[in-house]
C-alpha atoms as a PDB file:
ATOM      1  CA  UNK A   1     -71.739 -44.796 104.259  1.00  0.00           C
ATOM      2  CA  UNK A   2     -68.276 -45.703 102.332  1.00  0.00           C
ATOM      3  CA  UNK A   3     -66.950 -44.952 105.886  1.00  0.00           C
ATOM      4  CA  UNK A   4     -68.945 -46.846 107.727  1.00  0.00           C
ATOM      5  CA  UNK A   5     -68.072 -50.556 105.563  1.00  0.00           C
ATOM      6  CA  UNK A   6     -64.891 -48.721 105.936  1.00  0.00           C
ATOM      7  CA  UNK A   7     -64.915 -49.532 109.708  1.00  0.00           C
ATOM      8  CA  UNK A   8     -66.881 -52.637 109.520  1.00  0.00           C
ATOM      9  CA  UNK A   9     -63.395 -54.340 107.484  1.00  0.00           C
ATOM     10  CA  UNK A  10     -61.373 -52.817 110.140  1.00  0.00           C
ATOM     11  CA  UNK A  11     -63.043 -54.037 112.686  1.00  0.00           C
ATOM     12  CA  UNK A  12     -63.134 -57.790 111.071  1.00  0.00           C
ATOM     13  CA  UNK A  13     -59.384 -57.988 110.594  1.00  0.00           C
ATOM     14  CA  UNK A  14     -59.089 -57.220 113.943  1.00  0.00           C
ATOM     15  CA  UNK A  15     -61.346 -60.004 115.153  1.00  0.00           C
ATOM     16  CA  UNK A  16     -59.242 -62.545 113.016  1.00  0.00           C
ATOM     17  CA  UNK A  17     -55.837 -62.074 114.295  1.00  0.00           C
ATOM     18  CA  UNK A  18     -57.309 -63.483 117.482  1.00  0.00           C
ATOM     19  CA  UNK A  19     -56.879 -67.388 116.666  1.00  0.00           C
ATOM     20  CA  UNK A  20     -54.038 -66.912 115.269  1.00  0.00           C
ATOM     21  CA  UNK A  21     -52.602 -65.326 117.857  1.00  0.00           C
ATOM     22  CA  UNK A  22     -53.921 -68.539 119.870  1.00  0.00           C
ATOM     23  CA  UNK A  23     -52.471 -70.794 117.327  1.00  0.00           C
ATOM     24  CA  UNK A  24     -48.689 -69.844 117.448  1.00  0.00           C
ATOM     25  CA  UNK A  25     -48.980 -69.789 121.080  1.00  0.00           C
ATOM     26  CA  UNK A  26     -50.506 -73.362 121.083  1.00  0.00           C
ATOM     27  CA  UNK A  27     -47.574 -74.132 118.497  1.00  0.00           C
ATOM     28  CA  UNK A  28     -45.487 -73.158 120.419  1.00  0.00           C
ATOM     29  CA  UNK A  29     -46.069 -75.029 124.028  1.00  0.00           C
ATOM     30  CA  UNK A  30     -46.438 -78.113 121.707  1.00  0.00           C
ATOM     31  CA  UNK A  31     -42.753 -77.446 120.083  1.00  0.00           C
ATOM     32  CA  UNK A  32     -41.040 -76.983 124.018  1.00  0.00           C
ATOM     33  CA  UNK A  33     -43.718 -79.811 125.140  1.00  0.00           C
ATOM     34  CA  UNK A  34     -42.175 -82.232 122.679  1.00  0.00           C
ATOM     35  CA  UNK A  35     -38.602 -80.933 122.903  1.00  0.00           C
ATOM     36  CA  UNK A  36     -38.454 -81.706 126.759  1.00  0.00           C
ATOM     37  CA  UNK A  37     -40.040 -84.942 125.686  1.00  0.00           C
ATOM     38  CA  UNK A  38     -37.666 -85.662 123.661  1.00  0.00           C
ATOM     39  CA  UNK A  39     -34.917 -85.330 126.130  1.00  0.00           C
ATOM     40  CA  UNK A  40     -36.151 -87.207 128.461  1.00  0.00           C
ATOM     41  CA  UNK A  41     -36.307 -89.487 126.191  1.00  0.00           C
ATOM     42  CA  UNK A  42     -33.150 -89.740 125.413  1.00  0.00           C
ATOM     43  CA  UNK A  43     -31.898 -89.538 128.918  1.00  0.00           C
ATOM     44  CA  UNK A  44     -33.585 -92.596 130.417  1.00  0.00           C
ATOM     45  CA  UNK A  45     -33.111 -94.528 127.076  1.00  0.00           C
ATOM     46  CA  UNK A  46     -29.109 -93.933 127.772  1.00  0.00           C
ATOM     47  CA  UNK A  47     -29.532 -94.920 131.232  1.00  0.00           C
ATOM     48  CA  UNK A  48     -31.193 -98.086 129.982  1.00  0.00           C
ATOM     49  CA  UNK A  49     -27.780 -98.693 128.270  1.00  0.00           C
ATOM     50  CA  UNK A  50     -25.861 -98.145 130.815  1.00  0.00           C
ATOM     51  CA  UNK A  51     -27.677-100.203 133.512  1.00  0.00           C
ATOM     52  CA  UNK A  52     -27.836-103.444 131.024  1.00  0.00           C
ATOM     53  CA  UNK A  53     -24.553-103.574 129.888  1.00  0.00           C
ATOM     54  CA  UNK A  54     -24.173-103.230 133.886  1.00  0.00           C
ATOM     55  CA  UNK A  55     -25.874-106.029 134.305  1.00  0.00           C
ATOM     56  CA  UNK A  56     -23.889-108.190 131.345  1.00  0.00           C
ATOM     57  CA  UNK A  57     -20.678-107.730 132.434  1.00  0.00           C
ATOM     58  CA  UNK A  58     -22.010-108.361 136.057  1.00  0.00           C
ATOM     59  CA  UNK A  59     -22.913-111.664 134.647  1.00  0.00           C
ATOM     60  CA  UNK A  60     -19.854-112.089 133.167  1.00  0.00           C
ATOM     61  CA  UNK A  61     -18.394-111.583 136.928  1.00  0.00           C
ATOM     62  CA  UNK A  62     -20.310-113.815 138.159  1.00  0.00           C
ATOM     63  CA  UNK A  63     -19.785-116.358 135.546  1.00  0.00           C
ATOM     64  CA  UNK A  64     -15.678-116.278 136.095  1.00  0.00           C
ATOM     65  CA  UNK A  65     -16.052-116.865 139.951  1.00  0.00           C
ATOM     66  CA  UNK A  66     -17.863-119.513 139.493  1.00  0.00           C
ATOM     67  CA  UNK A  67     -14.999-120.578 136.881  1.00  0.00           C
ATOM     68  CA  UNK A  68     -12.551-120.415 139.929  1.00  0.00           C
ATOM     69  CA  UNK A  69     -14.481-122.092 142.839  1.00  0.00           C
ATOM     70  CA  UNK A  70     -15.097-124.874 140.284  1.00  0.00           C
ATOM     71  CA  UNK A  71     -11.359-125.140 140.026  1.00  0.00           C
ATOM     72  CA  UNK A  72     -10.696-124.370 144.224  1.00  0.00           C
ATOM     73  CA  UNK A  73     -13.177-127.029 144.823  1.00  0.00           C
ATOM     74  CA  UNK A  74     -11.589-129.832 144.018  1.00  0.00           C
ATOM     75  CA  UNK A  75      -8.223-128.709 145.873  1.00  0.00           C
ATOM     76  CA  UNK A  76      -6.256-126.049 143.682  1.00  0.00           C
ATOM     77  CA  UNK A  77      -4.834-123.422 146.243  1.00  0.00           C
ATOM     78  CA  UNK A  78      -6.665-119.734 144.870  1.00  0.00           C
ATOM     79  CA  UNK A  79      -2.927-118.811 144.202  1.00  0.00           C
ATOM     80  CA  UNK A  80      -2.391-121.502 141.732  1.00  0.00           C
ATOM     81  CA  UNK A  81      -5.522-121.423 139.515  1.00  0.00           C
ATOM     82  CA  UNK A  82      -4.364-120.037 135.562  1.00  0.00           C
ATOM     83  CA  UNK A  83      -6.735-117.212 134.252  1.00  0.00           C
ATOM     84  CA  UNK A  84      -4.055-117.106 131.398  1.00  0.00           C
ATOM     85  CA  UNK A  85      -6.404-117.152 128.364  1.00  0.00           C
ATOM     86  CA  UNK A  86      -4.332-118.752 126.156  1.00  0.00           C
ATOM     87  CA  UNK A  87      -4.054-121.699 128.421  1.00  0.00           C
ATOM     88  CA  UNK A  88      -6.562-124.261 128.267  1.00  0.00           C
ATOM     89  CA  UNK A  89      -5.400-127.407 128.492  1.00  0.00           C
ATOM     90  CA  UNK A  90      -4.683-128.342 132.629  1.00  0.00           C
ATOM     91  CA  UNK A  91      -7.519-128.910 135.086  1.00  0.00           C
ATOM     92  CA  UNK A  92      -6.146-125.603 136.494  1.00  0.00           C
ATOM     93  CA  UNK A  93      -6.737-123.377 134.489  1.00  0.00           C
ATOM     94  CA  UNK A  94      -9.878-121.423 134.550  1.00  0.00           C
ATOM     95  CA  UNK A  95     -10.508-121.275 130.658  1.00  0.00           C
ATOM     96  CA  UNK A  96      -9.839-124.804 129.670  1.00  0.00           C
ATOM     97  CA  UNK A  97     -12.643-128.035 130.213  1.00  0.00           C
ATOM     98  CA  UNK A  98     -10.645-130.245 132.186  1.00  0.00           C
ATOM     99  CA  UNK A  99     -10.403-126.856 135.219  1.00  0.00           C
ATOM    100  CA  UNK A 100     -12.965-124.123 134.862  1.00  0.00           C
ATOM    101  CA  UNK A 101     -14.443-125.383 131.665  1.00  0.00           C
ATOM    102  CA  UNK A 102     -15.140-121.494 130.687  1.00  0.00           C
ATOM    103  CA  UNK A 103     -14.301-119.618 127.609  1.00  0.00           C
ATOM    104  CA  UNK A 104     -12.483-116.290 127.556  1.00  0.00           C
ATOM    105  CA  UNK A 105     -14.977-112.869 128.220  1.00  0.00           C
ATOM    106  CA  UNK A 106     -15.664-111.145 125.761  1.00  0.00           C
ATOM    107  CA  UNK A 107     -14.792-106.580 125.929  1.00  0.00           C
ATOM    108  CA  UNK A 108     -17.481-105.493 123.778  1.00  0.00           C
ATOM    109  CA  UNK A 109     -18.890-104.243 127.122  1.00  0.00           C
ATOM    110  CA  UNK A 110     -15.304-101.962 127.681  1.00  0.00           C
ATOM    111  CA  UNK A 111     -14.894 -98.589 127.559  1.00  0.00           C
ATOM    112  CA  UNK A 112     -12.944 -98.908 124.302  1.00  0.00           C
ATOM    113  CA  UNK A 113     -13.492-102.655 123.165  1.00  0.00           C
ATOM    114  CA  UNK A 114     -10.396-102.145 120.682  1.00  0.00           C
ATOM    115  CA  UNK A 115      -7.714-101.480 123.463  1.00  0.00           C
ATOM    116  CA  UNK A 116      -9.449-102.850 126.588  1.00  0.00           C
ATOM    117  CA  UNK A 117      -8.921-106.388 127.580  1.00  0.00           C
ATOM    118  CA  UNK A 118     -10.077-108.069 130.920  1.00  0.00           C
ATOM    119  CA  UNK A 119      -6.951-107.914 133.802  1.00  0.00           C
ATOM    120  CA  UNK A 120      -6.314-110.823 136.319  1.00  0.00           C
ATOM    121  CA  UNK A 121      -4.616-109.389 139.302  1.00  0.00           C
ATOM    122  CA  UNK A 122      -4.379-108.868 143.455  1.00  0.00           C
ATOM    123  CA  UNK A 123      -6.116-105.937 145.608  1.00  0.00           C
ATOM    124  CA  UNK A 124      -7.050-106.134 149.022  1.00  0.00           C
ATOM    125  CA  UNK A 125     -10.751-105.551 149.541  1.00  0.00           C
ATOM    126  CA  UNK A 126     -11.412-103.816 152.964  1.00  0.00           C
ATOM    127  CA  UNK A 127     -14.153-105.914 155.315  1.00  0.00           C
ATOM    128  CA  UNK A 128     -13.011-109.038 153.225  1.00  0.00           C
ATOM    129  CA  UNK A 129     -10.721-112.067 154.228  1.00  0.00           C
ATOM    130  CA  UNK A 130      -7.597-111.868 156.157  1.00  0.00           C
ATOM    131  CA  UNK A 131      -4.515-109.606 155.035  1.00  0.00           C
ATOM    132  CA  UNK A 132      -4.190-111.393 152.306  1.00  0.00           C
ATOM    133  CA  UNK A 133      -5.085-110.423 149.199  1.00  0.00           C
ATOM    134  CA  UNK A 134      -8.117-111.009 147.107  1.00  0.00           C
ATOM    135  CA  UNK A 135      -8.085-112.974 143.496  1.00  0.00           C
ATOM    136  CA  UNK A 136      -9.846-109.953 140.887  1.00  0.00           C
ATOM    137  CA  UNK A 137     -11.092-109.622 137.526  1.00  0.00           C
ATOM    138  CA  UNK A 138     -10.988-106.426 135.783  1.00  0.00           C
ATOM    139  CA  UNK A 139     -12.485-104.703 133.404  1.00  0.00           C
ATOM    140  CA  UNK A 140     -12.495-100.658 132.030  1.00  0.00           C
ATOM    141  CA  UNK A 141     -16.217 -98.959 131.187  1.00  0.00           C
ATOM    142  CA  UNK A 142     -17.190 -96.357 131.310  1.00  0.00           C
ATOM    143  CA  UNK A 143     -18.176 -94.192 133.572  1.00  0.00           C
ATOM    144  CA  UNK A 144     -22.533 -94.678 133.341  1.00  0.00           C
ATOM    145  CA  UNK A 145     -22.455 -98.189 133.114  1.00  0.00           C
ATOM    146  CA  UNK A 146     -19.720 -98.122 136.858  1.00  0.00           C
ATOM    147  CA  UNK A 147     -22.290 -95.728 138.236  1.00  0.00           C
ATOM    148  CA  UNK A 148     -25.237 -98.783 137.204  1.00  0.00           C
ATOM    149  CA  UNK A 149     -22.535-101.303 138.159  1.00  0.00           C
ATOM    150  CA  UNK A 150     -22.238-100.341 141.882  1.00  0.00           C
ATOM    151  CA  UNK A 151     -26.182 -99.479 142.155  1.00  0.00           C
ATOM    152  CA  UNK A 152     -26.853-103.137 141.156  1.00  0.00           C
ATOM    153  CA  UNK A 153     -23.755-105.233 141.992  1.00  0.00           C
ATOM    154  CA  UNK A 154     -22.485-102.602 144.909  1.00  0.00           C
ATOM    155  CA  UNK A 155     -25.615-101.312 146.621  1.00  0.00           C
ATOM    156  CA  UNK A 156     -24.484 -97.874 146.673  1.00  0.00           C
ATOM    157  CA  UNK A 157     -25.420 -94.480 145.252  1.00  0.00           C
ATOM    158  CA  UNK A 158     -22.554 -94.752 142.799  1.00  0.00           C
ATOM    159  CA  UNK A 159     -18.048 -93.579 143.147  1.00  0.00           C
ATOM    160  CA  UNK A 160     -18.346 -90.551 144.948  1.00  0.00           C
ATOM    161  CA  UNK A 161     -14.076 -89.643 144.958  1.00  0.00           C
ATOM    162  CA  UNK A 162     -11.450 -90.810 142.660  1.00  0.00           C
ATOM    163  CA  UNK A 163      -8.918 -93.519 144.077  1.00  0.00           C
ATOM    164  CA  UNK A 164      -5.460 -93.959 143.046  1.00  0.00           C
ATOM    165  CA  UNK A 165      -5.149 -98.091 143.863  1.00  0.00           C
ATOM    166  CA  UNK A 166      -2.223 -97.891 141.230  1.00  0.00           C
ATOM    167  CA  UNK A 167      -1.485 -98.869 137.750  1.00  0.00           C
ATOM    168  CA  UNK A 168      -3.868-102.277 137.314  1.00  0.00           C
ATOM    169  CA  UNK A 169      -2.570-104.396 135.088  1.00  0.00           C
ATOM    170  CA  UNK A 170      -2.003-108.707 134.563  1.00  0.00           C
ATOM    171  CA  UNK A 171       1.339-108.000 136.538  1.00  0.00           C
ATOM    172  CA  UNK A 172       0.553-105.047 139.363  1.00  0.00           C
ATOM    173  CA  UNK A 173      -1.701-105.481 141.869  1.00  0.00           C
ATOM    174  CA  UNK A 174      -4.377-102.447 142.802  1.00  0.00           C
ATOM    175  CA  UNK A 175      -1.815-100.774 146.375  1.00  0.00           C
ATOM    176  CA  UNK A 176      -4.889 -99.386 147.854  1.00  0.00           C
ATOM    177  CA  UNK A 177      -8.506-100.082 147.714  1.00  0.00           C
ATOM    178  CA  UNK A 178     -11.319 -96.794 148.009  1.00  0.00           C
ATOM    179  CA  UNK A 179     -12.492 -95.574 151.327  1.00  0.00           C
ATOM    180  CA  UNK A 180     -16.291 -95.897 152.103  1.00  0.00           C
ATOM    181  CA  UNK A 181     -17.937 -92.513 151.311  1.00  0.00           C
ATOM    182  CA  UNK A 182     -21.332 -92.203 153.566  1.00  0.00           C
ATOM    183  CA  UNK A 183     -22.624 -89.197 150.668  1.00  0.00           C
ATOM    184  CA  UNK A 184     -24.560 -88.777 149.181  1.00  0.00           C
ATOM    185  CA  UNK A 185     -23.229 -90.029 146.567  1.00  0.00           C
ATOM    186  CA  UNK A 186     -22.207 -92.621 148.451  1.00  0.00           C
ATOM    187  CA  UNK A 187     -18.967 -94.941 147.629  1.00  0.00           C
ATOM    188  CA  UNK A 188     -19.255 -97.934 149.586  1.00  0.00           C
ATOM    189  CA  UNK A 189     -17.139-100.801 148.071  1.00  0.00           C
ATOM    190  CA  UNK A 190     -15.270-102.251 150.989  1.00  0.00           C
ATOM    191  CA  UNK A 191     -16.865-106.050 152.143  1.00  0.00           C
ATOM    192  CA  UNK A 192     -18.488-105.748 148.206  1.00  0.00           C
ATOM    193  CA  UNK A 193     -17.512-108.511 145.660  1.00  0.00           C
ATOM    194  CA  UNK A 194     -18.548-106.641 142.983  1.00  0.00           C
ATOM    195  CA  UNK A 195     -18.096-103.099 142.418  1.00  0.00           C
ATOM    196  CA  UNK A 196     -17.090-100.889 140.833  1.00  0.00           C
ATOM    197  CA  UNK A 197     -13.640 -97.971 141.567  1.00  0.00           C
ATOM    198  CA  UNK A 198     -12.982 -94.485 140.174  1.00  0.00           C
ATOM    199  CA  UNK A 199      -8.902 -94.679 140.141  1.00  0.00           C
ATOM    200  CA  UNK A 200      -7.074 -91.551 139.615  1.00  0.00           C
ATOM    201  CA  UNK A 201      -3.583 -93.256 138.720  1.00  0.00           C
ATOM    202  CA  UNK A 202      -2.037 -91.726 135.498  1.00  0.00           C
ATOM    203  CA  UNK A 203      -1.213 -94.438 134.153  1.00  0.00           C
ATOM    204  CA  UNK A 204      -4.107 -96.695 134.231  1.00  0.00           C
ATOM    205  CA  UNK A 205      -6.925 -93.748 135.323  1.00  0.00           C
ATOM    206  CA  UNK A 206     -10.770 -94.460 134.263  1.00  0.00           C
ATOM    207  CA  UNK A 207     -13.549 -96.685 135.910  1.00  0.00           C
ATOM    208  CA  UNK A 208     -12.853-100.271 136.487  1.00  0.00           C
ATOM    209  CA  UNK A 209     -15.477-102.725 137.236  1.00  0.00           C
ATOM    210  CA  UNK A 210     -14.882-105.554 139.813  1.00  0.00           C
ATOM    211  CA  UNK A 211     -15.644-109.168 140.031  1.00  0.00           C
ATOM    212  CA  UNK A 212     -13.538-111.013 143.269  1.00  0.00           C
ATOM    213  CA  UNK A 213     -13.176-114.477 142.227  1.00  0.00           C
ATOM    214  CA  UNK A 214     -11.486-115.808 146.088  1.00  0.00           C
ATOM    215  CA  UNK A 215     -11.229-114.342 148.857  1.00  0.00           C
ATOM    216  CA  UNK A 216      -8.265-115.033 151.370  1.00  0.00           C
END
């Protein structure tokens, strides 16, 4: 009789292990699903932030172009439009109430807001205008924002390859322009008024938003 009771106790113990293992398995599956969901959420949030920042930068570029257009429409040649942020009094200055009517744009969305500044230079954008250089506004950004700028502003997939476009500055023009690449991923910046280039120049490497302010 005593042996029979012991046998029944062993059977009950064995039966109890099944539900426990089932619960453990369910918890493991849930933990995996939550981890995967968190990773996806973080990725989507980062992409959305880049998209929002790209849209804001493109809008700033469009405003700068409108300021230049306003001055040129009043008879000032493109080459004579003053884009010096310190000049705010003449009718040829983009940041003057008498000229373009704009205020200097923020660098809050730059790759490094503490260091990076807006650059106003010239470059021969392929498939735009004549052989003369185009007037450009340029800002260094991070890669994720650069990708979204090209998706939104240039209607191209992303930057495909880096190109040495020169030591970009207020006193140095773009020395070349990135060639179109069919992809994928595609790089089609020829003829695009707005976009982002991946500069491999040793002096000023990185990703640069550009807005064509005037075509010659």
